[in-house]
Amino acid sequence: MISNILWGLVVGGVGFLLSWKTEWFVYNFGRMAWAEKYLGSDGGTRLATKFIGFLAIAAGLMLITGLFDNFMNWFAGIIVPGSNR
């Protein structure tokens, strides 16, 4: 239980940093070619970074509340039919 809370805080914190300091990540790690091509001409990488950060925050909250396993079972059931227990 405590490990779920700690991991959730770490994952959520990384997601918050990705959303908050997007420009720093783009400057230091470069642009994503696929994001620039499909998400916009100049802001695609920033949009993708913020979206990844949002997903990390959501995953962190699910880890903290104990809903991550249920969500992954549901998601696996959509992708691979018959995989739910």
PDB file of N, CA and C in Angstrom:
ATOM      1  N   MET A   1       0.824  -1.194   0.000  1.00  0.00           N
ATOM      2  CA  MET A   1       0.000   0.000   0.000  1.00  0.00           C
ATOM      3  C   MET A   1       0.868   1.258   0.000  1.00  0.00           C
ATOM      4  N   ILE A   2       1.857   1.286   0.875  1.00  0.00           N
ATOM      5  CA  ILE A   2       2.749   2.452   0.927  1.00  0.00           C
ATOM      6  C   ILE A   2       3.551   2.564  -0.367  1.00  0.00           C
ATOM      7  N   SER A   3       3.962   1.412  -0.930  1.00  0.00           N
ATOM      8  CA  SER A   3       4.733   1.464  -2.176  1.00  0.00           C
ATOM      9  C   SER A   3       3.880   2.013  -3.317  1.00  0.00           C
ATOM     10  N   ASN A   4       2.586   1.677  -3.344  1.00  0.00           N
ATOM     11  CA  ASN A   4       1.705   2.239  -4.372  1.00  0.00           C
ATOM     12  C   ASN A   4       1.613   3.753  -4.251  1.00  0.00           C
ATOM     13  N   ILE A   5       1.539   4.236  -3.034  1.00  0.00           N
ATOM     14  CA  ILE A   5       1.464   5.683  -2.822  1.00  0.00           C
ATOM     15  C   ILE A   5       2.762   6.350  -3.262  1.00  0.00           C
ATOM     16  N   LEU A   6       3.892   5.763  -2.879  1.00  0.00           N
ATOM     17  CA  LEU A   6       5.181   6.353  -3.266  1.00  0.00           C
ATOM     18  C   LEU A   6       5.376   6.330  -4.775  1.00  0.00           C
ATOM     19  N   TRP A   7       5.100   5.181  -5.414  1.00  0.00           N
ATOM     20  CA  TRP A   7       5.243   5.108  -6.869  1.00  0.00           C
ATOM     21  C   TRP A   7       4.261   6.048  -7.565  1.00  0.00           C
ATOM     22  N   GLY A   8       3.060   6.159  -7.029  1.00  0.00           N
ATOM     23  CA  GLY A   8       2.089   7.086  -7.606  1.00  0.00           C
ATOM     24  C   GLY A   8       2.550   8.526  -7.533  1.00  0.00           C
ATOM     25  N   LEU A   9       3.163   8.891  -6.397  1.00  0.00           N
ATOM     26  CA  LEU A   9       3.700  10.250  -6.270  1.00  0.00           C
ATOM     27  C   LEU A   9       4.858  10.482  -7.233  1.00  0.00           C
ATOM     28  N   VAL A  10       5.711   9.478  -7.414  1.00  0.00           N
ATOM     29  CA  VAL A  10       6.839   9.616  -8.347  1.00  0.00           C
ATOM     30  C   VAL A  10       6.331   9.766  -9.778  1.00  0.00           C
ATOM     31  N   VAL A  11       5.431   8.878 -10.187  1.00  0.00           N
ATOM     32  CA  VAL A  11       4.901   8.932 -11.556  1.00  0.00           C
ATOM     33  C   VAL A  11       4.131  10.231 -11.782  1.00  0.00           C
ATOM     34  N   GLY A  12       3.309  10.619 -10.823  1.00  0.00           N
ATOM     35  CA  GLY A  12       2.575  11.877 -10.944  1.00  0.00           C
ATOM     36  C   GLY A  12       3.495  13.082 -10.962  1.00  0.00           C
ATOM     37  N   GLY A  13       4.567  13.037 -10.168  1.00  0.00           N
ATOM     38  CA  GLY A  13       5.539  14.131 -10.157  1.00  0.00           C
ATOM     39  C   GLY A  13       6.263  14.271 -11.482  1.00  0.00           C
ATOM     40  N   VAL A  14       6.635  13.140 -12.077  1.00  0.00           N
ATOM     41  CA  VAL A  14       7.277  13.185 -13.395  1.00  0.00           C
ATOM     42  C   VAL A  14       6.302  13.739 -14.430  1.00  0.00           C
ATOM     43  N   GLY A  15       5.053  13.321 -14.354  1.00  0.00           N
ATOM     44  CA  GLY A  15       4.045  13.853 -15.271  1.00  0.00           C
ATOM     45  C   GLY A  15       3.845  15.345 -15.098  1.00  0.00           C
ATOM     46  N   PHE A  16       3.848  15.799 -13.848  1.00  0.00           N
ATOM     47  CA  PHE A  16       3.726  17.232 -13.590  1.00  0.00           C
ATOM     48  C   PHE A  16       4.916  17.991 -14.175  1.00  0.00           C
ATOM     49  N   LEU A  17       6.120  17.449 -13.992  1.00  0.00           N
ATOM     50  CA  LEU A  17       7.305  18.107 -14.559  1.00  0.00           C
ATOM     51  C   LEU A  17       7.255  18.141 -16.083  1.00  0.00           C
ATOM     52  N   LEU A  18       6.792  17.050 -16.702  1.00  0.00           N
ATOM     53  CA  LEU A  18       6.670  17.039 -18.160  1.00  0.00           C
ATOM     54  C   LEU A  18       5.696  18.110 -18.650  1.00  0.00           C
ATOM     55  N   SER A  19       4.621  18.314 -17.918  1.00  0.00           N
ATOM     56  CA  SER A  19       3.640  19.318 -18.321  1.00  0.00           C
ATOM     57  C   SER A  19       4.089  20.734 -17.994  1.00  0.00           C
ATOM     58  N   TRP A  20       4.793  20.894 -16.890  1.00  0.00           N
ATOM     59  CA  TRP A  20       5.187  22.221 -16.425  1.00  0.00           C
ATOM     60  C   TRP A  20       6.414  22.747 -17.165  1.00  0.00           C
ATOM     61  N   LYS A  21       7.427  21.917 -17.330  1.00  0.00           N
ATOM     62  CA  LYS A  21       8.691  22.325 -17.946  1.00  0.00           C
ATOM     63  C   LYS A  21       8.844  21.743 -19.352  1.00  0.00           C
ATOM     64  N   THR A  22       7.806  21.836 -20.150  1.00  0.00           N
ATOM     65  CA  THR A  22       7.814  21.271 -21.494  1.00  0.00           C
ATOM     66  C   THR A  22       8.934  21.855 -22.345  1.00  0.00           C
ATOM     67  N   GLU A  23       9.114  23.157 -22.275  1.00  0.00           N
ATOM     68  CA  GLU A  23      10.131  23.812 -23.100  1.00  0.00           C
ATOM     69  C   GLU A  23      11.527  23.311 -22.754  1.00  0.00           C
ATOM     70  N   TRP A  24      11.798  23.064 -21.483  1.00  0.00           N
ATOM     71  CA  TRP A  24      13.103  22.550 -21.063  1.00  0.00           C
ATOM     72  C   TRP A  24      13.341  21.164 -21.663  1.00  0.00           C
ATOM     73  N   PHE A  25      12.321  20.311 -21.622  1.00  0.00           N
ATOM     74  CA  PHE A  25      12.465  18.967 -22.193  1.00  0.00           C
ATOM     75  C   PHE A  25      12.679  19.029 -23.697  1.00  0.00           C
ATOM     76  N   VAL A  26      11.953  19.901 -24.388  1.00  0.00           N
ATOM     77  CA  VAL A  26      12.124  20.032 -25.836  1.00  0.00           C
ATOM     78  C   VAL A  26      13.516  20.559 -26.150  1.00  0.00           C
ATOM     79  N   TYR A  27      13.988  21.525 -25.396  1.00  0.00           N
ATOM     80  CA  TYR A  27      15.311  22.104 -25.636  1.00  0.00           C
ATOM     81  C   TYR A  27      16.423  21.081 -25.400  1.00  0.00           C
ATOM     82  N   ASN A  28      16.307  20.275 -24.352  1.00  0.00           N
ATOM     83  CA  ASN A  28      17.371  19.343 -23.997  1.00  0.00           C
ATOM     84  C   ASN A  28      17.295  17.997 -24.710  1.00  0.00           C
ATOM     85  N   PHE A  29      16.117  17.547 -25.075  1.00  0.00           N
ATOM     86  CA  PHE A  29      15.975  16.233 -25.701  1.00  0.00           C
ATOM     87  C   PHE A  29      15.599  16.304 -27.171  1.00  0.00           C
ATOM     88  N   GLY A  30      15.271  17.468 -27.668  1.00  0.00           N
ATOM     89  CA  GLY A  30      14.967  17.632 -29.081  1.00  0.00           C
ATOM     90  C   GLY A  30      13.503  17.396 -29.412  1.00  0.00           C
ATOM     91  N   ARG A  31      13.214  17.541 -30.685  1.00  0.00           N
ATOM     92  CA  ARG A  31      11.841  17.410 -31.161  1.00  0.00           C
ATOM     93  C   ARG A  31      11.538  15.963 -31.539  1.00  0.00           C
ATOM     94  N   MET A  32      10.246  15.627 -31.511  1.00  0.00           N
ATOM     95  CA  MET A  32       9.769  14.320 -31.965  1.00  0.00           C
ATOM     96  C   MET A  32       9.249  14.507 -33.387  1.00  0.00           C
ATOM     97  N   ALA A  33       9.871  13.836 -34.335  1.00  0.00           N
ATOM     98  CA  ALA A  33       9.502  14.032 -35.736  1.00  0.00           C
ATOM     99  C   ALA A  33       8.055  13.631 -36.003  1.00  0.00           C
ATOM    100  N   TRP A  34       7.624  12.519 -35.438  1.00  0.00           N
ATOM    101  CA  TRP A  34       6.250  12.074 -35.687  1.00  0.00           C
ATOM    102  C   TRP A  34       5.243  13.041 -35.077  1.00  0.00           C
ATOM    103  N   ALA A  35       5.580  13.650 -33.936  1.00  0.00           N
ATOM    104  CA  ALA A  35       4.666  14.606 -33.308  1.00  0.00           C
ATOM    105  C   ALA A  35       4.582  15.882 -34.139  1.00  0.00           C
ATOM    106  N   GLU A  36       5.701  16.320 -34.675  1.00  0.00           N
ATOM    107  CA  GLU A  36       5.692  17.520 -35.517  1.00  0.00           C
ATOM    108  C   GLU A  36       4.899  17.272 -36.797  1.00  0.00           C
ATOM    109  N   LYS A  37       4.974  16.041 -37.312  1.00  0.00           N
ATOM    110  CA  LYS A  37       4.279  15.723 -38.559  1.00  0.00           C
ATOM    111  C   LYS A  37       2.774  15.601 -38.357  1.00  0.00           C
ATOM    112  N   TYR A  38       2.361  14.935 -37.293  1.00  0.00           N
ATOM    113  CA  TYR A  38       0.949  14.607 -37.137  1.00  0.00           C
ATOM    114  C   TYR A  38       0.187  15.506 -36.166  1.00  0.00           C
ATOM    115  N   LEU A  39       0.869  16.207 -35.270  1.00  0.00           N
ATOM    116  CA  LEU A  39       0.174  17.007 -34.261  1.00  0.00           C
ATOM    117  C   LEU A  39       0.283  18.510 -34.481  1.00  0.00           C
ATOM    118  N   GLY A  40       1.010  18.934 -35.457  1.00  0.00           N
ATOM    119  CA  GLY A  40       1.137  20.362 -35.715  1.00  0.00           C
ATOM    120  C   GLY A  40       2.516  20.676 -36.240  1.00  0.00           C
ATOM    121  N   SER A  41       2.650  21.819 -36.885  1.00  0.00           N
ATOM    122  CA  SER A  41       3.911  22.139 -37.542  1.00  0.00           C
ATOM    123  C   SER A  41       5.018  22.491 -36.560  1.00  0.00           C
ATOM    124  N   ASP A  42       4.757  23.365 -35.602  1.00  0.00           N
ATOM    125  CA  ASP A  42       5.829  23.786 -34.699  1.00  0.00           C
ATOM    126  C   ASP A  42       5.555  23.416 -33.252  1.00  0.00           C
ATOM    127  N   GLY A  43       4.331  23.112 -32.919  1.00  0.00           N
ATOM    128  CA  GLY A  43       4.011  22.834 -31.527  1.00  0.00           C
ATOM    129  C   GLY A  43       3.649  21.391 -31.248  1.00  0.00           C
ATOM    130  N   GLY A  44       3.886  20.508 -32.195  1.00  0.00           N
ATOM    131  CA  GLY A  44       3.505  19.114 -32.019  1.00  0.00           C
ATOM    132  C   GLY A  44       4.252  18.427 -30.898  1.00  0.00           C
ATOM    133  N   THR A  45       5.550  18.713 -30.782  1.00  0.00           N
ATOM    134  CA  THR A  45       6.343  18.100 -29.721  1.00  0.00           C
ATOM    135  C   THR A  45       5.881  18.584 -28.360  1.00  0.00           C
ATOM    136  N   ARG A  46       5.591  19.851 -28.250  1.00  0.00           N
ATOM    137  CA  ARG A  46       5.116  20.391 -26.973  1.00  0.00           C
ATOM    138  C   ARG A  46       3.762  19.793 -26.596  1.00  0.00           C
ATOM    139  N   LEU A  47       2.877  19.664 -27.565  1.00  0.00           N
ATOM    140  CA  LEU A  47       1.573  19.064 -27.314  1.00  0.00           C
ATOM    141  C   LEU A  47       1.719  17.604 -26.884  1.00  0.00           C
ATOM    142  N   ALA A  48       2.576  16.849 -27.567  1.00  0.00           N
ATOM    143  CA  ALA A  48       2.788  15.443 -27.216  1.00  0.00           C
ATOM    144  C   ALA A  48       3.396  15.312 -25.826  1.00  0.00           C
ATOM    145  N   THR A  49       4.331  16.191 -25.484  1.00  0.00           N
ATOM    146  CA  THR A  49       4.958  16.139 -24.163  1.00  0.00           C
ATOM    147  C   THR A  49       3.944  16.434 -23.072  1.00  0.00           C
ATOM    148  N   LYS A  50       3.095  17.417 -23.288  1.00  0.00           N
ATOM    149  CA  LYS A  50       2.061  17.723 -22.295  1.00  0.00           C
ATOM    150  C   LYS A  50       1.052  16.580 -22.176  1.00  0.00           C
ATOM    151  N   PHE A  51       0.720  15.948 -23.291  1.00  0.00           N
ATOM    152  CA  PHE A  51      -0.213  14.823 -23.255  1.00  0.00           C
ATOM    153  C   PHE A  51       0.385  13.629 -22.511  1.00  0.00           C
ATOM    154  N   ILE A  52       1.662  13.337 -22.747  1.00  0.00           N
ATOM    155  CA  ILE A  52       2.343  12.261 -22.017  1.00  0.00           C
ATOM    156  C   ILE A  52       2.385  12.591 -20.531  1.00  0.00           C
ATOM    157  N   GLY A  53       2.629  13.858 -20.203  1.00  0.00           N
ATOM    158  CA  GLY A  53       2.613  14.278 -18.804  1.00  0.00           C
ATOM    159  C   GLY A  53       1.247  14.094 -18.172  1.00  0.00           C
ATOM    160  N   PHE A  54       0.194  14.433 -18.911  1.00  0.00           N
ATOM    161  CA  PHE A  54      -1.166  14.243 -18.405  1.00  0.00           C
ATOM    162  C   PHE A  54      -1.462  12.770 -18.163  1.00  0.00           C
ATOM    163  N   LEU A  55      -1.036  11.904 -19.091  1.00  0.00           N
ATOM    164  CA  LEU A  55      -1.240  10.463 -18.901  1.00  0.00           C
ATOM    165  C   LEU A  55      -0.473   9.950 -17.687  1.00  0.00           C
ATOM    166  N   ALA A  56       0.731  10.481 -17.462  1.00  0.00           N
ATOM    167  CA  ALA A  56       1.511  10.071 -16.290  1.00  0.00           C
ATOM    168  C   ALA A  56       0.836  10.526 -14.999  1.00  0.00           C
ATOM    169  N   ILE A  57       0.279  11.723 -14.994  1.00  0.00           N
ATOM    170  CA  ILE A  57      -0.443  12.201 -13.806  1.00  0.00           C
ATOM    171  C   ILE A  57      -1.650  11.308 -13.538  1.00  0.00           C
ATOM    172  N   ALA A  58      -2.392  10.960 -14.585  1.00  0.00           N
ATOM    173  CA  ALA A  58      -3.557  10.085 -14.419  1.00  0.00           C
ATOM    174  C   ALA A  58      -3.135   8.709 -13.910  1.00  0.00           C
ATOM    175  N   ALA A  59      -2.036   8.166 -14.446  1.00  0.00           N
ATOM    176  CA  ALA A  59      -1.547   6.864 -13.979  1.00  0.00           C
ATOM    177  C   ALA A  59      -1.092   6.948 -12.530  1.00  0.00           C
ATOM    178  N   GLY A  60      -0.451   8.044 -12.156  1.00  0.00           N
ATOM    179  CA  GLY A  60      -0.029   8.227 -10.770  1.00  0.00           C
ATOM    180  C   GLY A  60      -1.206   8.279  -9.818  1.00  0.00           C
ATOM    181  N   LEU A  61      -2.256   8.981 -10.215  1.00  0.00           N
ATOM    182  CA  LEU A  61      -3.459   9.033  -9.374  1.00  0.00           C
ATOM    183  C   LEU A  61      -4.116   7.661  -9.260  1.00  0.00           C
ATOM    184  N   MET A  62      -4.108   6.898 -10.357  1.00  0.00           N
ATOM    185  CA  MET A  62      -4.668   5.547 -10.291  1.00  0.00           C
ATOM    186  C   MET A  62      -3.825   4.641  -9.404  1.00  0.00           C
ATOM    187  N   LEU A  63      -2.511   4.821  -9.425  1.00  0.00           N
ATOM    188  CA  LEU A  63      -1.651   4.038  -8.535  1.00  0.00           C
ATOM    189  C   LEU A  63      -1.931   4.370  -7.076  1.00  0.00           C
ATOM    190  N   ILE A  64      -2.072   5.642  -6.779  1.00  0.00           N
ATOM    191  CA  ILE A  64      -2.310   6.066  -5.394  1.00  0.00           C
ATOM    192  C   ILE A  64      -3.639   5.521  -4.875  1.00  0.00           C
ATOM    193  N   THR A  65      -4.678   5.568  -5.708  1.00  0.00           N
ATOM    194  CA  THR A  65      -6.001   5.144  -5.256  1.00  0.00           C
ATOM    195  C   THR A  65      -6.236   3.644  -5.389  1.00  0.00           C
ATOM    196  N   GLY A  66      -5.304   2.929  -6.016  1.00  0.00           N
ATOM    197  CA  GLY A  66      -5.449   1.484  -6.160  1.00  0.00           C
ATOM    198  C   GLY A  66      -6.296   1.063  -7.345  1.00  0.00           C
ATOM    199  N   LEU A  67      -6.534   1.949  -8.286  1.00  0.00           N
ATOM    200  CA  LEU A  67      -7.360   1.637  -9.445  1.00  0.00           C
ATOM    201  C   LEU A  67      -6.553   1.219 -10.667  1.00  0.00           C
ATOM    202  N   PHE A  68      -5.229   1.248 -10.580  1.00  0.00           N
ATOM    203  CA  PHE A  68      -4.396   0.984 -11.749  1.00  0.00           C
ATOM    204  C   PHE A  68      -4.572  -0.445 -12.254  1.00  0.00           C
ATOM    205  N   ASP A  69      -4.600  -1.433 -11.355  1.00  0.00           N
ATOM    206  CA  ASP A  69      -4.766  -2.827 -11.772  1.00  0.00           C
ATOM    207  C   ASP A  69      -6.108  -3.046 -12.461  1.00  0.00           C
ATOM    208  N   ASN A  70      -7.164  -2.477 -11.901  1.00  0.00           N
ATOM    209  CA  ASN A  70      -8.485  -2.610 -12.520  1.00  0.00           C
ATOM    210  C   ASN A  70      -8.519  -1.958 -13.896  1.00  0.00           C
ATOM    211  N   PHE A  71      -7.888  -0.798 -14.025  1.00  0.00           N
ATOM    212  CA  PHE A  71      -7.849  -0.112 -15.315  1.00  0.00           C
ATOM    213  C   PHE A  71      -7.078  -0.928 -16.341  1.00  0.00           C
ATOM    214  N   MET A  72      -5.943  -1.486 -15.946  1.00  0.00           N
ATOM    215  CA  MET A  72      -5.143  -2.268 -16.888  1.00  0.00           C
ATOM    216  C   MET A  72      -5.866  -3.549 -17.299  1.00  0.00           C
ATOM    217  N   ASN A  73      -6.596  -4.182 -16.380  1.00  0.00           N
ATOM    218  CA  ASN A  73      -7.394  -5.357 -16.749  1.00  0.00           C
ATOM    219  C   ASN A  73      -8.484  -4.982 -17.741  1.00  0.00           C
ATOM    220  N   TRP A  74      -9.134  -3.841 -17.521  1.00  0.00           N
ATOM    221  CA  TRP A  74     -10.156  -3.371 -18.443  1.00  0.00           C
ATOM    222  C   TRP A  74      -9.549  -3.058 -19.813  1.00  0.00           C
ATOM    223  N   PHE A  75      -8.407  -2.375 -19.820  1.00  0.00           N
ATOM    224  CA  PHE A  75      -7.752  -1.989 -21.068  1.00  0.00           C
ATOM    225  C   PHE A  75      -7.267  -3.215 -21.831  1.00  0.00           C
ATOM    226  N   ALA A  76      -6.721  -4.199 -21.123  1.00  0.00           N
ATOM    227  CA  ALA A  76      -6.282  -5.433 -21.775  1.00  0.00           C
ATOM    228  C   ALA A  76      -7.473  -6.186 -22.349  1.00  0.00           C
ATOM    229  N   GLY A  77      -8.619  -6.108 -21.686  1.00  0.00           N
ATOM    230  CA  GLY A  77      -9.821  -6.757 -22.201  1.00  0.00           C
ATOM    231  C   GLY A  77     -10.307  -6.153 -23.501  1.00  0.00           C
ATOM    232  N   ILE A  78     -10.042  -4.873 -23.691  1.00  0.00           N
ATOM    233  CA  ILE A  78     -10.415  -4.227 -24.949  1.00  0.00           C
ATOM    234  C   ILE A  78      -9.465  -4.652 -26.065  1.00  0.00           C
ATOM    235  N   ILE A  79      -8.169  -4.670 -25.762  1.00  0.00           N
ATOM    236  CA  ILE A  79      -7.168  -4.978 -26.784  1.00  0.00           C
ATOM    237  C   ILE A  79      -7.142  -6.470 -27.115  1.00  0.00           C
ATOM    238  N   VAL A  80      -7.160  -7.318 -26.080  1.00  0.00           N
ATOM    239  CA  VAL A  80      -7.101  -8.770 -26.265  1.00  0.00           C
ATOM    240  C   VAL A  80      -8.388  -9.363 -25.691  1.00  0.00           C
ATOM    241  N   PRO A  81      -9.370  -9.629 -26.529  1.00  0.00           N
ATOM    242  CA  PRO A  81     -10.633 -10.170 -26.007  1.00  0.00           C
ATOM    243  C   PRO A  81     -10.417 -11.505 -25.292  1.00  0.00           C
ATOM    244  N   GLY A  82     -11.095 -11.678 -24.185  1.00  0.00           N
ATOM    245  CA  GLY A  82     -10.986 -12.911 -23.421  1.00  0.00           C
ATOM    246  C   GLY A  82      -9.857 -12.924 -22.423  1.00  0.00           C
ATOM    247  N   SER A  83      -9.160 -11.800 -22.250  1.00  0.00           N
ATOM    248  CA  SER A  83      -8.034 -11.772 -21.311  1.00  0.00           C
ATOM    249  C   SER A  83      -8.464 -11.388 -19.901  1.00  0.00           C
ATOM    250  N   ASN A  84      -9.700 -10.943 -19.723  1.00  0.00           N
ATOM    251  CA  ASN A  84     -10.178 -10.586 -18.375  1.00  0.00           C
ATOM    252  C   ASN A  84     -10.387 -11.842 -17.553  1.00  0.00           C
ATOM    253  N   ARG A  85     -10.067 -11.714 -16.283  1.00  0.00           N
ATOM    254  CA  ARG A  85     -10.256 -12.858 -15.382  1.00  0.00           C
ATOM    255  C   ARG A  85     -11.599 -12.795 -14.735  1.00  0.00           C
TER     256      ARG A  85
END
